[in-house]
Amino acid sequence: MKILIQRGLALLDSPVFNGLALLVVRLALAAQFWRSARTKVEEGSFLTINPITYDLFRDEYHMPAPEITGTIATYAEHALPILVMLGLATRFGAAGLFVMTAVIQLFVYPEAFWNPHVMWFGLAIILIARGGGLFALDRLFDRRLAPAMPPRTSGFAH
């Protein structure tokens, strides 16, 4: 029984399991912001901002310069979740979503900390601390994980 528990714990600490866990964290965080982003654009378009978005930023969110803040938020809510979903510049994307959550928490819906903002903060912090994991495109660019290259030779015998 003790061996089964040790093997089970070892499996939970494996790179594959950790990679799967971070993939789920990435998708869970990105999905929240992606769904919100899609409500800010005209139906059937990819990035044509719906004029109602500016009204929302002015009248409900009380944001300054709603045309600017609405545009920045809409583009960020599209770009950052894509980065996070792909695991490309994961820490940067998660940090951006963390900042967006902080703005939403402080200025838009301050009463919503425990539900859902604390979850978004937690997911973003995990990704900032741990990165995208085994199943992230970041791994393609991480030199620490790449095999060491053998020294170059001129091809001439010495």
C-alpha atoms as a PDB file:
ATOM      1  CA  MET A   1       0.000   0.000   0.000  1.00  0.00           C
ATOM      2  CA  LYS A   2       2.828   2.371   0.877  1.00  0.00           C
ATOM      3  CA  ILE A   3       4.399   1.791  -2.542  1.00  0.00           C
ATOM      4  CA  LEU A   4       1.105   2.581  -4.291  1.00  0.00           C
ATOM      5  CA  ILE A   5       0.836   5.852  -2.393  1.00  0.00           C
ATOM      6  CA  GLN A   6       4.443   6.751  -3.231  1.00  0.00           C
ATOM      7  CA  ARG A   7       3.869   5.971  -6.922  1.00  0.00           C
ATOM      8  CA  GLY A   8       0.655   7.979  -6.926  1.00  0.00           C
ATOM      9  CA  LEU A   9       2.418  10.950  -5.350  1.00  0.00           C
ATOM     10  CA  ALA A  10       5.275  10.631  -7.826  1.00  0.00           C
ATOM     11  CA  LEU A  11       2.758  10.682 -10.684  1.00  0.00           C
ATOM     12  CA  LEU A  12       1.183  13.851  -9.293  1.00  0.00           C
ATOM     13  CA  ASP A  13       4.624  15.464  -9.200  1.00  0.00           C
ATOM     14  CA  SER A  14       5.554  14.433 -12.748  1.00  0.00           C
ATOM     15  CA  PRO A  15       6.211  16.986 -15.501  1.00  0.00           C
ATOM     16  CA  VAL A  16       3.301  15.582 -17.536  1.00  0.00           C
ATOM     17  CA  PHE A  17       0.767  15.961 -14.704  1.00  0.00           C
ATOM     18  CA  ASN A  18       2.073  19.437 -13.849  1.00  0.00           C
ATOM     19  CA  GLY A  19       1.918  20.365 -17.539  1.00  0.00           C
ATOM     20  CA  LEU A  20      -1.696  19.198 -17.761  1.00  0.00           C
ATOM     21  CA  ALA A  21      -2.584  21.126 -14.610  1.00  0.00           C
ATOM     22  CA  LEU A  22      -1.018  24.319 -15.973  1.00  0.00           C
ATOM     23  CA  LEU A  23      -2.796  23.787 -19.304  1.00  0.00           C
ATOM     24  CA  VAL A  24      -6.138  23.643 -17.489  1.00  0.00           C
ATOM     25  CA  VAL A  25      -5.222  26.768 -15.495  1.00  0.00           C
ATOM     26  CA  ARG A  26      -4.304  28.576 -18.724  1.00  0.00           C
ATOM     27  CA  LEU A  27      -7.553  27.604 -20.431  1.00  0.00           C
ATOM     28  CA  ALA A  28      -9.698  28.456 -17.394  1.00  0.00           C
ATOM     29  CA  LEU A  29      -8.223  31.945 -17.064  1.00  0.00           C
ATOM     30  CA  ALA A  30      -8.167  32.707 -20.773  1.00  0.00           C
ATOM     31  CA  ALA A  31     -11.766  31.570 -21.302  1.00  0.00           C
ATOM     32  CA  GLN A  32     -13.113  34.133 -18.827  1.00  0.00           C
ATOM     33  CA  PHE A  33     -11.526  37.044 -20.641  1.00  0.00           C
ATOM     34  CA  TRP A  34     -12.120  35.687 -24.150  1.00  0.00           C
ATOM     35  CA  ARG A  35     -15.868  35.427 -23.525  1.00  0.00           C
ATOM     36  CA  SER A  36     -15.906  38.982 -22.225  1.00  0.00           C
ATOM     37  CA  ALA A  37     -13.900  40.188 -25.223  1.00  0.00           C
ATOM     38  CA  ARG A  38     -16.371  38.692 -27.681  1.00  0.00           C
ATOM     39  CA  THR A  39     -19.225  40.686 -26.115  1.00  0.00           C
ATOM     40  CA  LYS A  40     -17.432  43.928 -26.981  1.00  0.00           C
ATOM     41  CA  VAL A  41     -17.262  43.411 -30.753  1.00  0.00           C
ATOM     42  CA  GLU A  42     -19.922  43.393 -33.435  1.00  0.00           C
ATOM     43  CA  GLU A  43     -21.427  39.993 -34.096  1.00  0.00           C
ATOM     44  CA  GLY A  44     -19.808  38.285 -37.061  1.00  0.00           C
ATOM     45  CA  SER A  45     -16.659  40.402 -36.882  1.00  0.00           C
ATOM     46  CA  PHE A  46     -13.353  39.624 -35.261  1.00  0.00           C
ATOM     47  CA  LEU A  47     -12.282  43.029 -33.921  1.00  0.00           C
ATOM     48  CA  THR A  48     -14.863  45.602 -34.993  1.00  0.00           C
ATOM     49  CA  ILE A  49     -15.745  47.190 -31.684  1.00  0.00           C
ATOM     50  CA  ASN A  50     -19.455  47.547 -31.060  1.00  0.00           C
ATOM     51  CA  PRO A  51     -20.350  51.194 -30.287  1.00  0.00           C
ATOM     52  CA  ILE A  52     -22.309  49.911 -27.276  1.00  0.00           C
ATOM     53  CA  THR A  53     -18.940  49.027 -25.738  1.00  0.00           C
ATOM     54  CA  TYR A  54     -18.087  52.702 -25.417  1.00  0.00           C
ATOM     55  CA  ASP A  55     -21.449  53.402 -23.787  1.00  0.00           C
ATOM     56  CA  LEU A  56     -20.776  50.572 -21.324  1.00  0.00           C
ATOM     57  CA  PHE A  57     -17.359  51.972 -20.417  1.00  0.00           C
ATOM     58  CA  ARG A  58     -18.809  55.469 -19.973  1.00  0.00           C
ATOM     59  CA  ASP A  59     -22.167  54.781 -18.305  1.00  0.00           C
ATOM     60  CA  GLU A  60     -21.756  51.538 -16.336  1.00  0.00           C
ATOM     61  CA  TYR A  61     -18.005  51.285 -15.704  1.00  0.00           C
ATOM     62  CA  HIS A  62     -17.509  55.078 -15.360  1.00  0.00           C
ATOM     63  CA  MET A  63     -14.103  54.815 -17.014  1.00  0.00           C
ATOM     64  CA  PRO A  64     -12.325  57.940 -18.215  1.00  0.00           C
ATOM     65  CA  ALA A  65     -11.988  58.354 -21.997  1.00  0.00           C
ATOM     66  CA  PRO A  66     -14.323  55.439 -22.801  1.00  0.00           C
ATOM     67  CA  GLU A  67     -13.276  55.361 -26.468  1.00  0.00           C
ATOM     68  CA  ILE A  68      -9.651  54.807 -25.426  1.00  0.00           C
ATOM     69  CA  THR A  69     -10.200  52.554 -22.404  1.00  0.00           C
ATOM     70  CA  GLY A  70     -12.861  50.533 -24.239  1.00  0.00           C
ATOM     71  CA  THR A  71     -10.564  50.008 -27.218  1.00  0.00           C
ATOM     72  CA  ILE A  72      -7.564  49.053 -25.075  1.00  0.00           C
ATOM     73  CA  ALA A  73      -9.649  46.661 -22.974  1.00  0.00           C
ATOM     74  CA  THR A  74     -11.225  45.039 -26.032  1.00  0.00           C
ATOM     75  CA  TYR A  75      -7.894  44.466 -27.769  1.00  0.00           C
ATOM     76  CA  ALA A  76      -6.215  43.293 -24.566  1.00  0.00           C
ATOM     77  CA  GLU A  77      -9.099  40.911 -23.817  1.00  0.00           C
ATOM     78  CA  HIS A  78      -8.522  39.355 -27.232  1.00  0.00           C
ATOM     79  CA  ALA A  79      -4.718  39.282 -27.354  1.00  0.00           C
ATOM     80  CA  LEU A  80      -3.815  38.283 -23.794  1.00  0.00           C
ATOM     81  CA  PRO A  81      -6.102  35.208 -23.613  1.00  0.00           C
ATOM     82  CA  ILE A  82      -4.709  33.989 -26.934  1.00  0.00           C
ATOM     83  CA  LEU A  83      -1.178  34.233 -25.548  1.00  0.00           C
ATOM     84  CA  VAL A  84      -2.210  32.466 -22.352  1.00  0.00           C
ATOM     85  CA  MET A  85      -4.138  29.705 -24.188  1.00  0.00           C
ATOM     86  CA  LEU A  86      -1.182  28.992 -26.456  1.00  0.00           C
ATOM     87  CA  GLY A  87       1.296  29.263 -23.629  1.00  0.00           C
ATOM     88  CA  LEU A  88       3.212  31.898 -25.588  1.00  0.00           C
ATOM     89  CA  ALA A  89       4.680  34.635 -23.381  1.00  0.00           C
ATOM     90  CA  THR A  90       2.522  33.043 -20.701  1.00  0.00           C
ATOM     91  CA  ARG A  91       3.861  35.054 -17.787  1.00  0.00           C
ATOM     92  CA  PHE A  92       3.413  38.327 -19.701  1.00  0.00           C
ATOM     93  CA  GLY A  93      -0.149  37.391 -20.741  1.00  0.00           C
ATOM     94  CA  ALA A  94      -1.070  36.274 -17.235  1.00  0.00           C
ATOM     95  CA  ALA A  95       0.407  39.468 -15.765  1.00  0.00           C
ATOM     96  CA  GLY A  96      -1.708  41.504 -18.188  1.00  0.00           C
ATOM     97  CA  LEU A  97      -4.845  39.618 -17.168  1.00  0.00           C
ATOM     98  CA  PHE A  98      -3.877  40.103 -13.507  1.00  0.00           C
ATOM     99  CA  VAL A  99      -3.675  43.877 -14.087  1.00  0.00           C
ATOM    100  CA  MET A 100      -7.002  43.844 -15.957  1.00  0.00           C
ATOM    101  CA  THR A 101      -8.565  41.968 -13.036  1.00  0.00           C
ATOM    102  CA  ALA A 102      -7.149  44.534 -10.617  1.00  0.00           C
ATOM    103  CA  VAL A 103      -8.649  47.390 -12.654  1.00  0.00           C
ATOM    104  CA  ILE A 104     -12.008  45.607 -12.787  1.00  0.00           C
ATOM    105  CA  GLN A 105     -11.832  44.914  -9.048  1.00  0.00           C
ATOM    106  CA  LEU A 106     -10.835  48.430  -8.031  1.00  0.00           C
ATOM    107  CA  PHE A 107     -12.831  50.563 -10.442  1.00  0.00           C
ATOM    108  CA  VAL A 108     -15.662  48.575 -11.991  1.00  0.00           C
ATOM    109  CA  TYR A 109     -16.999  45.879  -9.639  1.00  0.00           C
ATOM    110  CA  PRO A 110     -15.362  46.325  -6.221  1.00  0.00           C
ATOM    111  CA  GLU A 111     -18.006  44.132  -4.579  1.00  0.00           C
ATOM    112  CA  ALA A 112     -17.048  41.084  -6.679  1.00  0.00           C
ATOM    113  CA  PHE A 113     -13.745  40.132  -4.998  1.00  0.00           C
ATOM    114  CA  TRP A 114     -14.675  36.696  -3.706  1.00  0.00           C
ATOM    115  CA  ASN A 115     -16.632  35.792  -6.765  1.00  0.00           C
ATOM    116  CA  PRO A 116     -15.094  35.676  -9.372  1.00  0.00           C
ATOM    117  CA  HIS A 117     -12.112  38.020  -9.097  1.00  0.00           C
ATOM    118  CA  VAL A 118     -10.216  36.080  -6.441  1.00  0.00           C
ATOM    119  CA  MET A 119     -10.299  33.051  -8.775  1.00  0.00           C
ATOM    120  CA  TRP A 120      -8.914  35.103 -11.678  1.00  0.00           C
ATOM    121  CA  PHE A 121      -6.184  36.532  -9.435  1.00  0.00           C
ATOM    122  CA  GLY A 122      -5.280  33.027  -8.252  1.00  0.00           C
ATOM    123  CA  LEU A 123      -5.119  31.551 -11.752  1.00  0.00           C
ATOM    124  CA  ALA A 124      -3.017  34.460 -13.008  1.00  0.00           C
ATOM    125  CA  ILE A 125      -0.605  34.234 -10.061  1.00  0.00           C
ATOM    126  CA  ILE A 126      -0.079  30.513 -10.666  1.00  0.00           C
ATOM    127  CA  LEU A 127       0.865  31.226 -14.293  1.00  0.00           C
ATOM    128  CA  ILE A 128       3.085  34.170 -13.386  1.00  0.00           C
ATOM    129  CA  ALA A 129       4.914  32.009 -10.843  1.00  0.00           C
ATOM    130  CA  ARG A 130       5.093  28.739 -12.783  1.00  0.00           C
ATOM    131  CA  GLY A 131       4.884  29.705 -16.444  1.00  0.00           C
ATOM    132  CA  GLY A 132       2.916  27.827 -19.060  1.00  0.00           C
ATOM    133  CA  GLY A 133       4.202  24.340 -18.327  1.00  0.00           C
ATOM    134  CA  LEU A 134       5.115  21.376 -20.474  1.00  0.00           C
ATOM    135  CA  PHE A 135       2.371  21.941 -23.054  1.00  0.00           C
ATOM    136  CA  ALA A 136       3.139  25.605 -23.734  1.00  0.00           C
ATOM    137  CA  LEU A 137       4.786  27.180 -26.763  1.00  0.00           C
ATOM    138  CA  ASP A 138       7.084  28.995 -24.334  1.00  0.00           C
ATOM    139  CA  ARG A 139       9.054  25.755 -24.084  1.00  0.00           C
ATOM    140  CA  LEU A 140      10.209  26.186 -27.678  1.00  0.00           C
ATOM    141  CA  PHE A 141      11.950  29.420 -26.701  1.00  0.00           C
ATOM    142  CA  ASP A 142      13.295  28.488 -23.281  1.00  0.00           C
ATOM    143  CA  ARG A 143      17.039  28.050 -23.725  1.00  0.00           C
ATOM    144  CA  ARG A 144      17.380  26.382 -20.327  1.00  0.00           C
ATOM    145  CA  LEU A 145      15.302  23.459 -21.612  1.00  0.00           C
ATOM    146  CA  ALA A 146      16.998  23.164 -25.009  1.00  0.00           C
ATOM    147  CA  PRO A 147      19.723  20.535 -25.386  1.00  0.00           C
ATOM    148  CA  ALA A 148      23.235  21.934 -25.271  1.00  0.00           C
ATOM    149  CA  MET A 149      24.690  22.511 -28.715  1.00  0.00           C
ATOM    150  CA  PRO A 150      28.057  20.892 -29.359  1.00  0.00           C
ATOM    151  CA  PRO A 151      30.888  23.335 -30.034  1.00  0.00           C
ATOM    152  CA  ARG A 152      31.200  24.338 -33.683  1.00  0.00           C
ATOM    153  CA  THR A 153      34.158  23.018 -35.565  1.00  0.00           C
ATOM    154  CA  SER A 154      35.592  24.391 -38.741  1.00  0.00           C
ATOM    155  CA  GLY A 155      35.505  21.007 -40.412  1.00  0.00           C
ATOM    156  CA  PHE A 156      39.242  21.085 -40.905  1.00  0.00           C
ATOM    157  CA  ALA A 157      41.558  18.704 -39.130  1.00  0.00           C
ATOM    158  CA  HIS A 158      43.971  20.376 -36.754  1.00  0.00           C
END
